[in-house]
Amino acid sequence: MRLLVGLGNPGAKYQGNRHNIGFMVLDEMARRHGFSPWRRRFQGETADGSIGGERVTLLKPLTYMNDSGRAVQDAASFFKLGLPDITVLHDEIELPAAKLRVKVGGGIAGHNGLRSISAHVGNDYRRVRIGVGHPGAKELVHGHVLNDFAKSERPWVEAMIEAIVEHAGALIEGRDSTFQNKVHLALQAKGFLDKNDGSAA
């Protein structure tokens, strides 16, 4: 079994924020893969289903970003999951817009959601880092992630979400480089990444 965690903040006013791209991906994943209706549990919302023959639970913590770890800990404890079974999808300001990287463990780059999860369950879970770009100055970061994607960004955001959902089977199977490359190839095909931009690091 796998637990996929999408990070974001609950409530309509945050719905289109850059910080909420994890929620956006999970909403589309549940819809496209025919998951169960969302229900409240583990201090969040979950939907259950399968991808590539593997049981998967999607989790959107409703504790606000800074306390995301409480929901992840509750779900992991209930299902008796280890860190290799947990994948967290989140916005990443250290990556350019429309870039994606998958890694296990490592630093949290100031991301409060990751900080909370690492504090509650440990650090060596898989992260799908979805680039939303950096505003250029540290003092602008808070406003950047808590503002909606600009209208001009929506085409690549929709393409990114679609590609992640379409190739989720590779992610569930642990084929991280394959997953990463397929997502980037999809974005290259639509003109959102240069041909030589986005291969696995």
N, C-alpha and C. Protein backbone atom coordinates (compact mmCIF):
# COMPACT_ATOMS: atom_id res chain seq x y z
N MET A 1 0.83 -1.20 0.00
CA MET A 1 0.00 0.00 0.00
C MET A 1 0.87 1.25 0.00
N ARG A 2 0.36 2.30 -0.64
CA ARG A 2 1.08 3.57 -0.72
C ARG A 2 0.20 4.71 -0.21
N LEU A 3 0.83 5.67 0.47
CA LEU A 3 0.16 6.89 0.91
C LEU A 3 0.73 8.06 0.11
N LEU A 4 -0.13 8.70 -0.67
CA LEU A 4 0.26 9.90 -1.41
C LEU A 4 -0.32 11.11 -0.69
N VAL A 5 0.55 12.01 -0.28
CA VAL A 5 0.15 13.20 0.47
C VAL A 5 0.33 14.43 -0.42
N GLY A 6 -0.74 15.18 -0.60
CA GLY A 6 -0.64 16.45 -1.31
C GLY A 6 -0.69 17.58 -0.30
N LEU A 7 0.23 18.53 -0.40
CA LEU A 7 0.25 19.62 0.58
C LEU A 7 -0.50 20.84 0.06
N GLY A 8 -1.13 21.54 1.01
CA GLY A 8 -1.87 22.76 0.70
C GLY A 8 -2.51 23.28 1.97
N ASN A 9 -3.28 24.33 1.82
CA ASN A 9 -4.06 24.88 2.93
C ASN A 9 -5.54 24.71 2.63
N PRO A 10 -6.35 24.36 3.64
CA PRO A 10 -7.78 24.17 3.40
C PRO A 10 -8.52 25.50 3.27
N GLY A 11 -9.61 25.48 2.52
CA GLY A 11 -10.44 26.68 2.40
C GLY A 11 -10.39 27.28 1.01
N ALA A 12 -11.50 27.86 0.61
CA ALA A 12 -11.65 28.37 -0.76
C ALA A 12 -10.65 29.46 -1.10
N LYS A 13 -10.26 30.27 -0.12
CA LYS A 13 -9.37 31.39 -0.44
C LYS A 13 -7.96 30.95 -0.81
N TYR A 14 -7.60 29.71 -0.45
CA TYR A 14 -6.26 29.19 -0.78
C TYR A 14 -6.27 28.29 -2.01
N GLN A 15 -7.43 28.01 -2.54
CA GLN A 15 -7.60 26.95 -3.53
C GLN A 15 -6.67 27.06 -4.73
N GLY A 16 -6.46 28.28 -5.23
CA GLY A 16 -5.64 28.45 -6.42
C GLY A 16 -4.22 28.88 -6.14
N ASN A 17 -3.82 28.87 -4.85
CA ASN A 17 -2.46 29.30 -4.47
C ASN A 17 -1.39 28.36 -5.01
N ARG A 18 -0.19 28.92 -5.24
CA ARG A 18 0.94 28.08 -5.62
C ARG A 18 1.22 27.03 -4.54
N HIS A 19 1.03 27.41 -3.29
CA HIS A 19 1.26 26.51 -2.16
C HIS A 19 0.32 25.30 -2.19
N ASN A 20 -0.75 25.37 -2.97
CA ASN A 20 -1.77 24.32 -2.97
C ASN A 20 -1.68 23.37 -4.14
N ILE A 21 -0.57 23.37 -4.85
CA ILE A 21 -0.50 22.51 -6.03
C ILE A 21 -0.57 21.03 -5.66
N GLY A 22 -0.14 20.68 -4.44
CA GLY A 22 -0.28 19.29 -3.99
C GLY A 22 -1.73 18.86 -3.91
N PHE A 23 -2.58 19.73 -3.36
CA PHE A 23 -4.02 19.46 -3.32
C PHE A 23 -4.57 19.31 -4.74
N MET A 24 -4.16 20.20 -5.63
CA MET A 24 -4.67 20.19 -7.01
C MET A 24 -4.36 18.86 -7.69
N VAL A 25 -3.13 18.37 -7.51
CA VAL A 25 -2.74 17.10 -8.13
C VAL A 25 -3.61 15.96 -7.59
N LEU A 26 -3.78 15.89 -6.27
CA LEU A 26 -4.55 14.80 -5.69
C LEU A 26 -6.02 14.84 -6.09
N ASP A 27 -6.59 16.03 -6.22
CA ASP A 27 -7.97 16.14 -6.67
C ASP A 27 -8.14 15.53 -8.06
N GLU A 28 -7.20 15.85 -8.95
CA GLU A 28 -7.28 15.32 -10.31
C GLU A 28 -6.98 13.83 -10.34
N MET A 29 -6.05 13.39 -9.49
CA MET A 29 -5.71 11.97 -9.44
C MET A 29 -6.92 11.14 -8.99
N ALA A 30 -7.62 11.63 -7.97
CA ALA A 30 -8.81 10.92 -7.49
C ALA A 30 -9.87 10.85 -8.58
N ARG A 31 -10.04 11.94 -9.30
CA ARG A 31 -11.05 11.99 -10.36
C ARG A 31 -10.69 11.05 -11.51
N ARG A 32 -9.44 11.15 -11.98
CA ARG A 32 -9.03 10.41 -13.16
C ARG A 32 -8.94 8.90 -12.91
N HIS A 33 -8.51 8.52 -11.72
CA HIS A 33 -8.31 7.10 -11.43
C HIS A 33 -9.50 6.47 -10.70
N GLY A 34 -10.62 7.19 -10.62
CA GLY A 34 -11.84 6.61 -10.07
C GLY A 34 -11.76 6.23 -8.60
N PHE A 35 -11.13 7.08 -7.80
CA PHE A 35 -11.01 6.81 -6.37
C PHE A 35 -12.36 7.01 -5.67
N SER A 36 -12.43 6.54 -4.43
CA SER A 36 -13.64 6.73 -3.62
C SER A 36 -13.89 8.21 -3.38
N PRO A 37 -15.10 8.59 -2.98
CA PRO A 37 -15.34 9.98 -2.59
C PRO A 37 -14.43 10.39 -1.42
N TRP A 38 -14.08 11.67 -1.36
CA TRP A 38 -13.27 12.17 -0.26
C TRP A 38 -14.05 12.07 1.05
N ARG A 39 -13.34 11.70 2.11
CA ARG A 39 -13.98 11.68 3.43
C ARG A 39 -13.00 12.20 4.48
N ARG A 40 -13.57 12.70 5.58
CA ARG A 40 -12.76 13.29 6.65
C ARG A 40 -12.21 12.22 7.57
N ARG A 41 -10.92 12.16 7.72
CA ARG A 41 -10.25 11.34 8.73
C ARG A 41 -8.78 11.71 8.77
N PHE A 42 -8.10 11.28 9.83
CA PHE A 42 -6.66 11.56 10.02
C PHE A 42 -6.36 13.07 9.98
N GLN A 43 -7.25 13.88 10.49
CA GLN A 43 -7.07 15.34 10.47
C GLN A 43 -6.90 15.85 9.04
N GLY A 44 -7.57 15.17 8.12
CA GLY A 44 -7.49 15.56 6.72
C GLY A 44 -8.63 14.97 5.94
N GLU A 45 -8.47 14.92 4.62
CA GLU A 45 -9.41 14.25 3.73
C GLU A 45 -8.68 13.16 3.00
N THR A 46 -9.32 12.00 2.87
CA THR A 46 -8.70 10.89 2.15
C THR A 46 -9.63 10.37 1.06
N ALA A 47 -9.01 9.77 0.05
CA ALA A 47 -9.72 9.04 -0.99
C ALA A 47 -8.93 7.76 -1.24
N ASP A 48 -9.63 6.66 -1.46
CA ASP A 48 -8.97 5.36 -1.61
C ASP A 48 -9.21 4.79 -3.00
N GLY A 49 -8.20 4.08 -3.50
CA GLY A 49 -8.32 3.45 -4.81
C GLY A 49 -7.08 2.64 -5.11
N SER A 50 -6.83 2.44 -6.38
CA SER A 50 -5.62 1.71 -6.78
C SER A 50 -5.06 2.33 -8.05
N ILE A 51 -3.74 2.25 -8.17
CA ILE A 51 -3.03 2.71 -9.36
C ILE A 51 -2.02 1.63 -9.71
N GLY A 52 -2.10 1.12 -10.94
CA GLY A 52 -1.17 0.07 -11.35
C GLY A 52 -1.25 -1.18 -10.49
N GLY A 53 -2.45 -1.48 -9.98
CA GLY A 53 -2.63 -2.68 -9.17
C GLY A 53 -2.22 -2.53 -7.72
N GLU A 54 -1.73 -1.36 -7.34
CA GLU A 54 -1.30 -1.10 -5.96
C GLU A 54 -2.36 -0.28 -5.23
N ARG A 55 -2.69 -0.69 -4.00
CA ARG A 55 -3.62 0.09 -3.19
C ARG A 55 -2.99 1.43 -2.83
N VAL A 56 -3.77 2.48 -2.99
CA VAL A 56 -3.27 3.84 -2.73
C VAL A 56 -4.31 4.61 -1.93
N THR A 57 -3.85 5.32 -0.90
CA THR A 57 -4.70 6.29 -0.21
C THR A 57 -4.12 7.67 -0.46
N LEU A 58 -4.97 8.57 -0.90
CA LEU A 58 -4.60 9.97 -1.09
C LEU A 58 -4.97 10.73 0.17
N LEU A 59 -4.09 11.61 0.62
CA LEU A 59 -4.33 12.37 1.85
C LEU A 59 -4.06 13.85 1.62
N LYS A 60 -5.08 14.67 1.93
CA LYS A 60 -4.91 16.12 1.94
C LYS A 60 -5.05 16.58 3.40
N PRO A 61 -3.93 16.91 4.08
CA PRO A 61 -4.03 17.38 5.46
C PRO A 61 -4.87 18.66 5.54
N LEU A 62 -5.75 18.74 6.52
CA LEU A 62 -6.59 19.93 6.71
C LEU A 62 -6.17 20.71 7.96
N THR A 63 -4.92 20.53 8.35
CA THR A 63 -4.39 21.15 9.57
C THR A 63 -3.71 22.49 9.29
N TYR A 64 -3.76 22.95 8.07
CA TYR A 64 -2.94 24.05 7.56
C TYR A 64 -1.50 23.56 7.40
N MET A 65 -0.80 24.19 6.49
CA MET A 65 0.51 23.73 6.04
C MET A 65 1.47 23.45 7.20
N ASN A 66 1.53 24.36 8.18
CA ASN A 66 2.54 24.25 9.24
C ASN A 66 2.37 23.04 10.13
N ASP A 67 1.18 22.41 10.11
CA ASP A 67 0.93 21.24 10.94
C ASP A 67 0.63 19.99 10.12
N SER A 68 1.05 19.96 8.87
CA SER A 68 0.75 18.84 7.98
C SER A 68 1.20 17.50 8.55
N GLY A 69 2.28 17.51 9.32
CA GLY A 69 2.84 16.27 9.84
C GLY A 69 1.91 15.50 10.74
N ARG A 70 1.00 16.18 11.42
CA ARG A 70 0.07 15.49 12.33
C ARG A 70 -0.84 14.55 11.55
N ALA A 71 -1.35 15.02 10.42
CA ALA A 71 -2.22 14.19 9.58
C ALA A 71 -1.45 13.02 8.98
N VAL A 72 -0.24 13.29 8.52
CA VAL A 72 0.58 12.22 7.92
C VAL A 72 0.91 11.16 8.96
N GLN A 73 1.26 11.59 10.17
CA GLN A 73 1.57 10.65 11.25
C GLN A 73 0.36 9.78 11.59
N ASP A 74 -0.81 10.40 11.67
CA ASP A 74 -2.04 9.65 11.99
C ASP A 74 -2.32 8.58 10.93
N ALA A 75 -2.20 8.96 9.66
CA ALA A 75 -2.49 8.01 8.57
C ALA A 75 -1.44 6.91 8.52
N ALA A 76 -0.17 7.28 8.64
CA ALA A 76 0.91 6.29 8.58
C ALA A 76 0.80 5.29 9.73
N SER A 77 0.42 5.78 10.91
CA SER A 77 0.27 4.91 12.08
C SER A 77 -0.91 3.96 11.89
N PHE A 78 -2.02 4.47 11.37
CA PHE A 78 -3.21 3.65 11.16
C PHE A 78 -2.92 2.52 10.18
N PHE A 79 -2.25 2.85 9.07
CA PHE A 79 -1.98 1.85 8.03
C PHE A 79 -0.69 1.06 8.27
N LYS A 80 0.04 1.42 9.34
CA LYS A 80 1.32 0.77 9.67
C LYS A 80 2.31 0.87 8.51
N LEU A 81 2.47 2.10 8.01
CA LEU A 81 3.35 2.35 6.88
C LEU A 81 4.71 2.85 7.33
N GLY A 82 5.73 2.47 6.59
CA GLY A 82 7.06 3.01 6.80
C GLY A 82 7.31 4.18 5.86
N LEU A 83 8.43 4.86 6.05
CA LEU A 83 8.74 6.04 5.22
C LEU A 83 8.82 5.71 3.72
N PRO A 84 9.30 4.52 3.32
CA PRO A 84 9.33 4.22 1.88
C PRO A 84 7.95 4.16 1.23
N ASP A 85 6.90 4.03 2.06
CA ASP A 85 5.53 3.93 1.52
C ASP A 85 4.86 5.29 1.38
N ILE A 86 5.54 6.36 1.81
CA ILE A 86 4.94 7.70 1.84
C ILE A 86 5.58 8.58 0.77
N THR A 87 4.74 9.21 -0.04
CA THR A 87 5.20 10.17 -1.04
C THR A 87 4.45 11.47 -0.84
N VAL A 88 5.20 12.57 -0.78
CA VAL A 88 4.61 13.89 -0.55
C VAL A 88 4.79 14.75 -1.79
N LEU A 89 3.69 15.32 -2.30
CA LEU A 89 3.73 16.20 -3.46
C LEU A 89 3.56 17.64 -2.97
N HIS A 90 4.50 18.51 -3.37
CA HIS A 90 4.48 19.87 -2.83
C HIS A 90 5.08 20.88 -3.81
N ASP A 91 4.76 22.14 -3.57
CA ASP A 91 5.35 23.24 -4.35
C ASP A 91 6.81 23.41 -3.95
N GLU A 92 7.64 23.81 -4.92
CA GLU A 92 9.07 23.97 -4.68
C GLU A 92 9.57 25.26 -5.33
N ILE A 93 9.89 26.25 -4.50
CA ILE A 93 10.35 27.54 -5.05
C ILE A 93 11.78 27.48 -5.57
N GLU A 94 12.54 26.46 -5.17
CA GLU A 94 13.93 26.35 -5.62
C GLU A 94 14.03 25.74 -7.02
N LEU A 95 12.89 25.35 -7.59
CA LEU A 95 12.88 24.85 -8.97
C LEU A 95 12.13 25.85 -9.84
N PRO A 96 12.58 26.05 -11.08
CA PRO A 96 11.84 26.92 -12.00
C PRO A 96 10.44 26.38 -12.25
N ALA A 97 9.54 27.26 -12.61
CA ALA A 97 8.18 26.84 -12.95
C ALA A 97 8.22 25.78 -14.05
N ALA A 98 7.37 24.77 -13.91
CA ALA A 98 7.20 23.67 -14.87
C ALA A 98 8.32 22.63 -14.82
N LYS A 99 9.20 22.73 -13.82
CA LYS A 99 10.20 21.68 -13.61
C LYS A 99 9.74 20.80 -12.44
N LEU A 100 10.19 19.56 -12.44
CA LEU A 100 9.80 18.62 -11.39
C LEU A 100 11.01 17.76 -11.03
N ARG A 101 11.15 17.49 -9.75
CA ARG A 101 12.20 16.60 -9.29
C ARG A 101 11.63 15.65 -8.24
N VAL A 102 12.10 14.41 -8.26
CA VAL A 102 11.73 13.43 -7.24
C VAL A 102 12.97 13.11 -6.44
N LYS A 103 12.86 13.15 -5.12
CA LYS A 103 14.00 12.78 -4.28
C LYS A 103 13.49 12.15 -2.99
N VAL A 104 14.37 11.42 -2.34
CA VAL A 104 14.07 10.83 -1.04
C VAL A 104 14.93 11.53 0.01
N GLY A 105 14.29 12.03 1.06
CA GLY A 105 15.01 12.71 2.12
C GLY A 105 15.62 14.03 1.65
N GLY A 106 16.65 14.45 2.36
CA GLY A 106 17.32 15.70 2.00
C GLY A 106 16.76 16.88 2.77
N GLY A 107 17.17 18.07 2.36
CA GLY A 107 16.75 19.29 3.04
C GLY A 107 15.31 19.65 2.74
N ILE A 108 14.80 20.61 3.51
CA ILE A 108 13.40 21.02 3.33
C ILE A 108 13.28 22.40 2.71
N ALA A 109 14.42 23.09 2.54
CA ALA A 109 14.46 24.39 1.84
C ALA A 109 13.42 25.38 2.38
N GLY A 110 13.22 25.35 3.70
CA GLY A 110 12.32 26.32 4.30
C GLY A 110 10.85 26.03 4.13
N HIS A 111 10.50 24.85 3.61
CA HIS A 111 9.09 24.53 3.38
C HIS A 111 8.47 24.05 4.69
N ASN A 112 7.50 24.80 5.21
CA ASN A 112 6.93 24.49 6.52
C ASN A 112 6.15 23.18 6.56
N GLY A 113 5.55 22.82 5.44
CA GLY A 113 4.84 21.55 5.39
C GLY A 113 5.80 20.38 5.54
N LEU A 114 6.92 20.43 4.82
CA LEU A 114 7.92 19.37 4.93
C LEU A 114 8.55 19.36 6.31
N ARG A 115 8.79 20.54 6.87
CA ARG A 115 9.37 20.61 8.22
C ARG A 115 8.48 19.88 9.22
N SER A 116 7.18 20.10 9.13
CA SER A 116 6.24 19.46 10.04
C SER A 116 6.20 17.94 9.84
N ILE A 117 6.19 17.50 8.60
CA ILE A 117 6.16 16.06 8.32
C ILE A 117 7.43 15.39 8.84
N SER A 118 8.57 15.99 8.57
CA SER A 118 9.84 15.42 9.03
C SER A 118 9.90 15.35 10.55
N ALA A 119 9.33 16.35 11.22
CA ALA A 119 9.32 16.37 12.68
C ALA A 119 8.44 15.25 13.25
N HIS A 120 7.39 14.88 12.51
CA HIS A 120 6.44 13.89 13.03
C HIS A 120 6.76 12.45 12.64
N VAL A 121 7.30 12.24 11.44
CA VAL A 121 7.49 10.85 10.99
C VAL A 121 8.93 10.52 10.58
N GLY A 122 9.81 11.51 10.55
CA GLY A 122 11.16 11.29 10.04
C GLY A 122 11.32 11.94 8.68
N ASN A 123 12.54 11.93 8.17
CA ASN A 123 12.85 12.74 6.99
C ASN A 123 12.95 11.96 5.68
N ASP A 124 13.08 10.63 5.75
CA ASP A 124 13.42 9.89 4.55
C ASP A 124 12.21 9.37 3.78
N TYR A 125 11.25 10.25 3.54
CA TYR A 125 10.12 9.92 2.66
C TYR A 125 10.39 10.53 1.29
N ARG A 126 9.66 10.04 0.29
CA ARG A 126 9.85 10.53 -1.07
C ARG A 126 9.10 11.85 -1.26
N ARG A 127 9.74 12.79 -1.95
CA ARG A 127 9.09 14.07 -2.25
C ARG A 127 9.01 14.25 -3.77
N VAL A 128 7.86 14.66 -4.24
CA VAL A 128 7.70 15.10 -5.64
C VAL A 128 7.68 16.62 -5.57
N ARG A 129 8.78 17.23 -5.99
CA ARG A 129 8.98 18.68 -5.87
C ARG A 129 8.51 19.34 -7.17
N ILE A 130 7.45 20.10 -7.09
CA ILE A 130 6.84 20.72 -8.27
C ILE A 130 7.25 22.19 -8.31
N GLY A 131 8.06 22.54 -9.28
CA GLY A 131 8.61 23.89 -9.35
C GLY A 131 7.56 24.95 -9.60
N VAL A 132 7.57 25.98 -8.75
CA VAL A 132 6.66 27.12 -8.93
C VAL A 132 7.45 28.42 -9.10
N GLY A 133 8.79 28.31 -9.20
CA GLY A 133 9.61 29.49 -9.40
C GLY A 133 9.85 30.27 -8.11
N HIS A 134 10.91 31.07 -8.13
CA HIS A 134 11.28 31.89 -6.96
C HIS A 134 10.99 33.35 -7.30
N PRO A 135 10.41 34.09 -6.36
CA PRO A 135 10.10 35.50 -6.67
C PRO A 135 11.32 36.40 -6.74
N GLY A 136 12.49 35.89 -6.35
CA GLY A 136 13.71 36.67 -6.52
C GLY A 136 14.30 37.23 -5.24
N ALA A 137 13.50 37.37 -4.21
CA ALA A 137 13.98 37.89 -2.93
C ALA A 137 13.29 37.13 -1.80
N LYS A 138 14.04 36.86 -0.73
CA LYS A 138 13.52 36.06 0.37
C LYS A 138 12.24 36.64 0.96
N GLU A 139 12.19 37.98 1.08
CA GLU A 139 11.04 38.61 1.71
C GLU A 139 9.77 38.52 0.86
N LEU A 140 9.91 38.13 -0.40
CA LEU A 140 8.75 38.00 -1.28
C LEU A 140 8.19 36.58 -1.34
N VAL A 141 8.89 35.62 -0.73
CA VAL A 141 8.51 34.21 -0.85
C VAL A 141 7.12 33.95 -0.28
N HIS A 142 6.83 34.49 0.91
CA HIS A 142 5.55 34.23 1.57
C HIS A 142 4.39 34.64 0.67
N GLY A 143 4.46 35.84 0.13
CA GLY A 143 3.40 36.31 -0.76
C GLY A 143 3.33 35.52 -2.05
N HIS A 144 4.49 35.08 -2.53
CA HIS A 144 4.54 34.32 -3.78
C HIS A 144 3.77 33.01 -3.66
N VAL A 145 4.05 32.25 -2.60
CA VAL A 145 3.41 30.93 -2.50
C VAL A 145 1.96 31.02 -2.06
N LEU A 146 1.60 32.12 -1.38
CA LEU A 146 0.21 32.27 -0.93
C LEU A 146 -0.63 33.13 -1.87
N ASN A 147 -0.11 33.34 -3.08
CA ASN A 147 -0.91 33.97 -4.13
C ASN A 147 -1.28 32.92 -5.16
N ASP A 148 -2.36 33.16 -5.88
CA ASP A 148 -2.80 32.24 -6.92
C ASP A 148 -1.81 32.24 -8.08
N PHE A 149 -1.77 31.12 -8.79
CA PHE A 149 -1.04 31.09 -10.05
C PHE A 149 -1.61 32.17 -10.96
N ALA A 150 -0.73 32.87 -11.66
CA ALA A 150 -1.18 33.88 -12.61
C ALA A 150 -1.91 33.21 -13.78
N LYS A 151 -2.77 33.97 -14.42
CA LYS A 151 -3.53 33.43 -15.56
C LYS A 151 -2.58 32.86 -16.62
N SER A 152 -1.44 33.53 -16.81
CA SER A 152 -0.47 33.09 -17.82
C SER A 152 0.20 31.76 -17.44
N GLU A 153 0.17 31.41 -16.15
CA GLU A 153 0.80 30.17 -15.69
C GLU A 153 -0.13 28.96 -15.78
N ARG A 154 -1.42 29.23 -15.88
CA ARG A 154 -2.37 28.12 -15.76
C ARG A 154 -2.17 27.02 -16.82
N PRO A 155 -1.81 27.36 -18.06
CA PRO A 155 -1.61 26.27 -19.04
C PRO A 155 -0.53 25.27 -18.61
N TRP A 156 0.61 25.75 -18.11
CA TRP A 156 1.64 24.79 -17.71
C TRP A 156 1.24 24.06 -16.42
N VAL A 157 0.53 24.75 -15.53
CA VAL A 157 0.07 24.09 -14.29
C VAL A 157 -0.86 22.94 -14.64
N GLU A 158 -1.80 23.18 -15.54
CA GLU A 158 -2.73 22.12 -15.95
C GLU A 158 -1.99 20.98 -16.64
N ALA A 159 -1.00 21.32 -17.47
CA ALA A 159 -0.21 20.29 -18.16
C ALA A 159 0.61 19.48 -17.16
N MET A 160 1.17 20.13 -16.15
CA MET A 160 1.95 19.44 -15.13
C MET A 160 1.07 18.47 -14.34
N ILE A 161 -0.09 18.95 -13.91
CA ILE A 161 -1.00 18.09 -13.14
C ILE A 161 -1.42 16.89 -13.98
N GLU A 162 -1.77 17.14 -15.24
CA GLU A 162 -2.19 16.06 -16.14
C GLU A 162 -1.10 15.02 -16.31
N ALA A 163 0.16 15.48 -16.48
CA ALA A 163 1.27 14.56 -16.69
C ALA A 163 1.58 13.74 -15.44
N ILE A 164 1.53 14.38 -14.27
CA ILE A 164 1.77 13.66 -13.01
C ILE A 164 0.72 12.56 -12.83
N VAL A 165 -0.53 12.92 -13.08
CA VAL A 165 -1.63 11.95 -12.90
C VAL A 165 -1.53 10.81 -13.91
N GLU A 166 -1.20 11.15 -15.14
CA GLU A 166 -1.12 10.14 -16.20
C GLU A 166 -0.02 9.13 -15.93
N HIS A 167 1.10 9.60 -15.39
CA HIS A 167 2.25 8.72 -15.19
C HIS A 167 2.44 8.30 -13.73
N ALA A 168 1.37 8.41 -12.94
CA ALA A 168 1.45 8.09 -11.52
C ALA A 168 1.85 6.63 -11.27
N GLY A 169 1.54 5.75 -12.21
CA GLY A 169 1.90 4.35 -12.03
C GLY A 169 3.39 4.15 -11.83
N ALA A 170 4.21 4.89 -12.59
CA ALA A 170 5.67 4.79 -12.45
C ALA A 170 6.11 5.26 -11.07
N LEU A 171 5.45 6.30 -10.57
CA LEU A 171 5.78 6.82 -9.24
C LEU A 171 5.43 5.80 -8.17
N ILE A 172 4.25 5.20 -8.28
CA ILE A 172 3.80 4.21 -7.30
C ILE A 172 4.74 3.01 -7.30
N GLU A 173 5.26 2.65 -8.46
CA GLU A 173 6.16 1.50 -8.58
C GLU A 173 7.58 1.81 -8.15
N GLY A 174 7.85 3.07 -7.81
CA GLY A 174 9.21 3.45 -7.38
C GLY A 174 10.16 3.72 -8.52
N ARG A 175 9.64 3.85 -9.72
CA ARG A 175 10.50 4.16 -10.88
C ARG A 175 10.58 5.68 -11.02
N ASP A 176 11.32 6.29 -10.08
CA ASP A 176 11.31 7.75 -9.96
C ASP A 176 11.86 8.46 -11.19
N SER A 177 12.99 7.97 -11.71
CA SER A 177 13.59 8.62 -12.89
C SER A 177 12.67 8.52 -14.10
N THR A 178 12.04 7.35 -14.27
CA THR A 178 11.11 7.17 -15.38
C THR A 178 9.93 8.14 -15.25
N PHE A 179 9.38 8.20 -14.05
CA PHE A 179 8.26 9.12 -13.80
C PHE A 179 8.66 10.56 -14.10
N GLN A 180 9.79 10.97 -13.56
CA GLN A 180 10.27 12.35 -13.74
C GLN A 180 10.46 12.67 -15.22
N ASN A 181 11.10 11.75 -15.94
CA ASN A 181 11.37 12.00 -17.35
C ASN A 181 10.09 12.02 -18.19
N LYS A 182 9.13 11.15 -17.85
CA LYS A 182 7.87 11.15 -18.62
C LYS A 182 7.10 12.44 -18.41
N VAL A 183 7.12 12.96 -17.19
CA VAL A 183 6.45 14.23 -16.92
C VAL A 183 7.12 15.34 -17.72
N HIS A 184 8.45 15.37 -17.70
CA HIS A 184 9.15 16.43 -18.43
C HIS A 184 8.95 16.31 -19.94
N LEU A 185 8.94 15.08 -20.45
CA LEU A 185 8.70 14.90 -21.89
C LEU A 185 7.32 15.42 -22.28
N ALA A 186 6.33 15.18 -21.42
CA ALA A 186 4.98 15.68 -21.68
C ALA A 186 4.95 17.20 -21.72
N LEU A 187 5.69 17.83 -20.81
CA LEU A 187 5.73 19.30 -20.77
C LEU A 187 6.54 19.86 -21.94
N GLN A 188 7.59 19.14 -22.34
CA GLN A 188 8.36 19.55 -23.53
C GLN A 188 7.48 19.48 -24.77
N ALA A 189 6.70 18.43 -24.89
CA ALA A 189 5.84 18.24 -26.06
C ALA A 189 4.84 19.37 -26.21
N LYS A 190 4.47 19.98 -25.08
CA LYS A 190 3.50 21.08 -25.11
C LYS A 190 4.18 22.45 -25.10
N GLY A 191 5.51 22.44 -25.16
CA GLY A 191 6.24 23.70 -25.28
C GLY A 191 6.52 24.43 -23.98
N PHE A 192 6.34 23.75 -22.84
CA PHE A 192 6.56 24.42 -21.56
C PHE A 192 7.98 24.24 -21.03
N LEU A 193 8.74 23.31 -21.62
CA LEU A 193 10.13 23.11 -21.28
C LEU A 193 10.93 22.99 -22.57
N ASP A 194 12.17 23.48 -22.55
CA ASP A 194 13.05 23.30 -23.71
C ASP A 194 13.41 21.83 -23.85
N LYS A 195 13.83 21.45 -25.04
CA LYS A 195 14.12 20.05 -25.32
C LYS A 195 15.19 19.48 -24.39
N ASN A 196 16.20 20.28 -24.04
CA ASN A 196 17.29 19.80 -23.21
C ASN A 196 17.09 20.13 -21.75
N ASP A 197 15.91 20.55 -21.41
CA ASP A 197 15.62 20.99 -20.04
C ASP A 197 14.69 19.99 -19.35
N GLY A 198 15.15 19.42 -18.24
CA GLY A 198 14.20 18.62 -17.47
C GLY A 198 14.51 17.14 -17.39
N SER A 199 15.65 16.69 -17.94
CA SER A 199 15.96 15.28 -17.80
C SER A 199 16.35 14.97 -16.36
N ALA A 200 16.36 13.71 -16.02
CA ALA A 200 16.62 13.32 -14.62
C ALA A 200 18.01 13.76 -14.19
N ALA A 201 18.07 14.28 -12.99
CA ALA A 201 19.36 14.70 -12.43
C ALA A 201 20.00 13.54 -11.69
